[in-house]
C-alpha atoms as a PDB file:
ATOM      1  CA  MET A   1      92.949  86.896 128.762  1.00  0.00           C
ATOM      2  CA  ARG A   2      93.633  85.809 125.230  1.00  0.00           C
ATOM      3  CA  ILE A   3      95.454  82.505 124.767  1.00  0.00           C
ATOM      4  CA  PHE A   4      97.703  82.241 121.719  1.00  0.00           C
ATOM      5  CA  SER A   5      97.906  78.909 119.943  1.00  0.00           C
ATOM      6  CA  THR A   6     101.301  79.579 118.405  1.00  0.00           C
ATOM      7  CA  VAL A   7     104.244  81.845 118.876  1.00  0.00           C
ATOM      8  CA  TYR A   8     103.602  83.293 115.418  1.00  0.00           C
ATOM      9  CA  GLU A   9     100.064  84.247 116.377  1.00  0.00           C
ATOM     10  CA  MET A  10     101.417  86.122 119.377  1.00  0.00           C
ATOM     11  CA  ILE A  11     104.053  87.847 117.239  1.00  0.00           C
ATOM     12  CA  PHE A  12     101.411  88.887 114.677  1.00  0.00           C
ATOM     13  CA  TYR A  13      99.229  90.248 117.471  1.00  0.00           C
ATOM     14  CA  VAL A  14     102.086  92.327 118.914  1.00  0.00           C
ATOM     15  CA  ILE A  15     103.117  93.626 115.477  1.00  0.00           C
ATOM     16  CA  LYS A  16      99.545  94.661 114.665  1.00  0.00           C
ATOM     17  CA  ARG A  17      99.141  96.484 117.982  1.00  0.00           C
ATOM     18  CA  LEU A  18     102.457  98.295 117.678  1.00  0.00           C
ATOM     19  CA  PHE A  19     101.663  99.250 114.088  1.00  0.00           C
ATOM     20  CA  PHE A  20      98.274 100.633 115.141  1.00  0.00           C
ATOM     21  CA  LEU A  21      99.906 102.743 117.878  1.00  0.00           C
ATOM     22  CA  LEU A  22     102.577 104.000 115.475  1.00  0.00           C
ATOM     23  CA  GLU A  23     100.013 104.991 112.839  1.00  0.00           C
ATOM     24  CA  PHE A  24      97.795 106.650 115.441  1.00  0.00           C
ATOM     25  CA  PHE A  25     100.764 108.619 116.811  1.00  0.00           C
ATOM     26  CA  LEU A  26     101.685 109.798 113.298  1.00  0.00           C
ATOM     27  CA  PHE A  27      98.042 110.657 112.587  1.00  0.00           C
ATOM     28  CA  ILE A  28      97.969 112.873 115.694  1.00  0.00           C
ATOM     29  CA  ARG A  29     101.107 114.653 114.420  1.00  0.00           C
ATOM     30  CA  LEU A  30      99.553 115.084 110.964  1.00  0.00           C
ATOM     31  CA  THR A  31      96.375 116.524 112.465  1.00  0.00           C
ATOM     32  CA  LEU A  32      98.258 118.926 114.745  1.00  0.00           C
ATOM     33  CA  LYS A  33     100.403 120.163 111.841  1.00  0.00           C
ATOM     34  CA  PHE A  34      97.343 120.560 109.618  1.00  0.00           C
ATOM     35  CA  LEU A  35      95.482 122.602 112.215  1.00  0.00           C
ATOM     36  CA  GLY A  36      98.537 124.725 113.051  1.00  0.00           C
ATOM     37  CA  ALA A  37      98.876 123.709 116.702  1.00  0.00           C
ATOM     38  CA  ASN A  38     101.245 125.827 118.764  1.00  0.00           C
ATOM     39  CA  PRO A  39     104.558 123.896 118.891  1.00  0.00           C
ATOM     40  CA  LYS A  40     105.522 125.642 122.151  1.00  0.00           C
ATOM     41  CA  THR A  41     102.674 123.929 124.023  1.00  0.00           C
ATOM     42  CA  PRO A  42     104.189 121.107 126.129  1.00  0.00           C
ATOM     43  CA  ALA A  43     101.887 118.356 124.801  1.00  0.00           C
ATOM     44  CA  VAL A  44     102.359 119.357 121.169  1.00  0.00           C
ATOM     45  CA  GLU A  45     106.100 119.815 121.655  1.00  0.00           C
ATOM     46  CA  LEU A  46     106.325 116.309 123.132  1.00  0.00           C
ATOM     47  CA  ILE A  47     104.436 114.772 120.202  1.00  0.00           C
ATOM     48  CA  TYR A  48     106.577 116.630 117.654  1.00  0.00           C
ATOM     49  CA  GLN A  49     109.803 115.738 119.467  1.00  0.00           C
ATOM     50  CA  TYR A  50     109.142 111.992 119.533  1.00  0.00           C
ATOM     51  CA  SER A  51     107.498 111.780 116.128  1.00  0.00           C
ATOM     52  CA  ASP A  52     110.400 113.642 114.483  1.00  0.00           C
ATOM     53  CA  ILE A  53     112.471 110.486 114.978  1.00  0.00           C
ATOM     54  CA  LEU A  54     109.895 108.461 113.048  1.00  0.00           C
ATOM     55  CA  VAL A  55     109.367 111.025 110.295  1.00  0.00           C
ATOM     56  CA  SER A  56     112.978 112.082 109.703  1.00  0.00           C
ATOM     57  CA  PRO A  57     113.849 109.265 107.231  1.00  0.00           C
ATOM     58  CA  PHE A  58     111.012 110.515 105.029  1.00  0.00           C
ATOM     59  CA  ASN A  59     111.816 114.239 105.110  1.00  0.00           C
ATOM     60  CA  PHE A  60     112.233 116.051 101.802  1.00  0.00           C
ATOM     61  CA  ILE A  61     110.821 113.246  99.634  1.00  0.00           C
ATOM     62  CA  PHE A  62     107.954 115.517  98.609  1.00  0.00           C
ATOM     63  CA  PRO A  63     107.390 119.203  99.325  1.00  0.00           C
ATOM     64  CA  ASN A  64     104.789 120.145 101.914  1.00  0.00           C
ATOM     65  CA  ILE A  65     101.420 121.302 100.614  1.00  0.00           C
ATOM     66  CA  TYR A  66     100.087 124.608 101.887  1.00  0.00           C
ATOM     67  CA  TRP A  67      96.360 125.222 101.626  1.00  0.00           C
ATOM     68  CA  PRO A  68      94.744 128.639 101.873  1.00  0.00           C
ATOM     69  CA  ARG A  69      94.173 130.034 105.367  1.00  0.00           C
ATOM     70  CA  GLY A  70      97.371 128.513 106.739  1.00  0.00           C
ATOM     71  CA  TYR A  71      96.570 124.802 106.601  1.00  0.00           C
ATOM     72  CA  LEU A  72      99.611 122.571 106.116  1.00  0.00           C
ATOM     73  CA  ILE A  73      99.704 119.042 104.766  1.00  0.00           C
ATOM     74  CA  GLU A  74     103.025 117.598 105.870  1.00  0.00           C
ATOM     75  CA  THR A  75     103.898 115.073 103.186  1.00  0.00           C
ATOM     76  CA  ALA A  76     106.787 113.612 105.201  1.00  0.00           C
ATOM     77  CA  THR A  77     104.315 112.330 107.796  1.00  0.00           C
ATOM     78  CA  ILE A  78     102.053 110.879 105.114  1.00  0.00           C
ATOM     79  CA  SER A  79     105.080 109.252 103.486  1.00  0.00           C
ATOM     80  CA  ALA A  80     106.115 107.818 106.864  1.00  0.00           C
ATOM     81  CA  MET A  81     102.655 106.373 107.443  1.00  0.00           C
ATOM     82  CA  ILE A  82     102.698 104.711 104.025  1.00  0.00           C
ATOM     83  CA  GLY A  83     106.322 103.585 104.370  1.00  0.00           C
ATOM     84  CA  TYR A  84     105.758 101.957 107.755  1.00  0.00           C
ATOM     85  CA  ALA A  85     102.579 100.289 106.478  1.00  0.00           C
ATOM     86  CA  ILE A  86     104.536  98.746 103.606  1.00  0.00           C
ATOM     87  CA  ALA A  87     107.323  97.651 105.989  1.00  0.00           C
ATOM     88  CA  VAL A  88     104.864  95.967 108.369  1.00  0.00           C
ATOM     89  CA  PHE A  89     103.113  94.283 105.434  1.00  0.00           C
ATOM     90  CA  VAL A  90     106.418  92.848 104.212  1.00  0.00           C
ATOM     91  CA  ILE A  91     107.439  91.718 107.709  1.00  0.00           C
ATOM     92  CA  VAL A  92     104.111  89.961 108.285  1.00  0.00           C
ATOM     93  CA  LYS A  93     104.304  88.246 104.899  1.00  0.00           C
ATOM     94  CA  LEU A  94     107.858  87.066 105.630  1.00  0.00           C
ATOM     95  CA  LEU A  95     106.819  85.745 109.057  1.00  0.00           C
ATOM     96  CA  ARG A  96     103.879  83.893 107.499  1.00  0.00           C
ATOM     97  CA  LEU A  97     106.341  82.020 105.263  1.00  0.00           C
ATOM     98  CA  PHE A  98     107.831  80.452 108.393  1.00  0.00           C
ATOM     99  CA  SER A  99     104.590  79.724 110.241  1.00  0.00           C
ATOM    100  CA  THR A 100     103.199  76.198 110.214  1.00  0.00           C
ATOM    101  CA  ASP A 101      99.538  77.188 109.883  1.00  0.00           C
END
């Protein structure tokens, strides 16, 4: 088991893990959309349903990109991934201002 020396170190660890899971979840959505996964499949429907909450603030910023042969690049998901990365970066920097290290 990992022992944390400070509360801030533990908070940074939790933030990094949650951010990784969030980005991975959005990457799965992006991949499924790109490959044209059937949205009526229970697993895909579940991923779309829960990731819609995360992506909805970024809808309609940029139009989706359609490649030949039916491939879709959903720009809202890419925008969400970038937006959440910037938000986590800012939060970590703000927390580091208050740490005593």
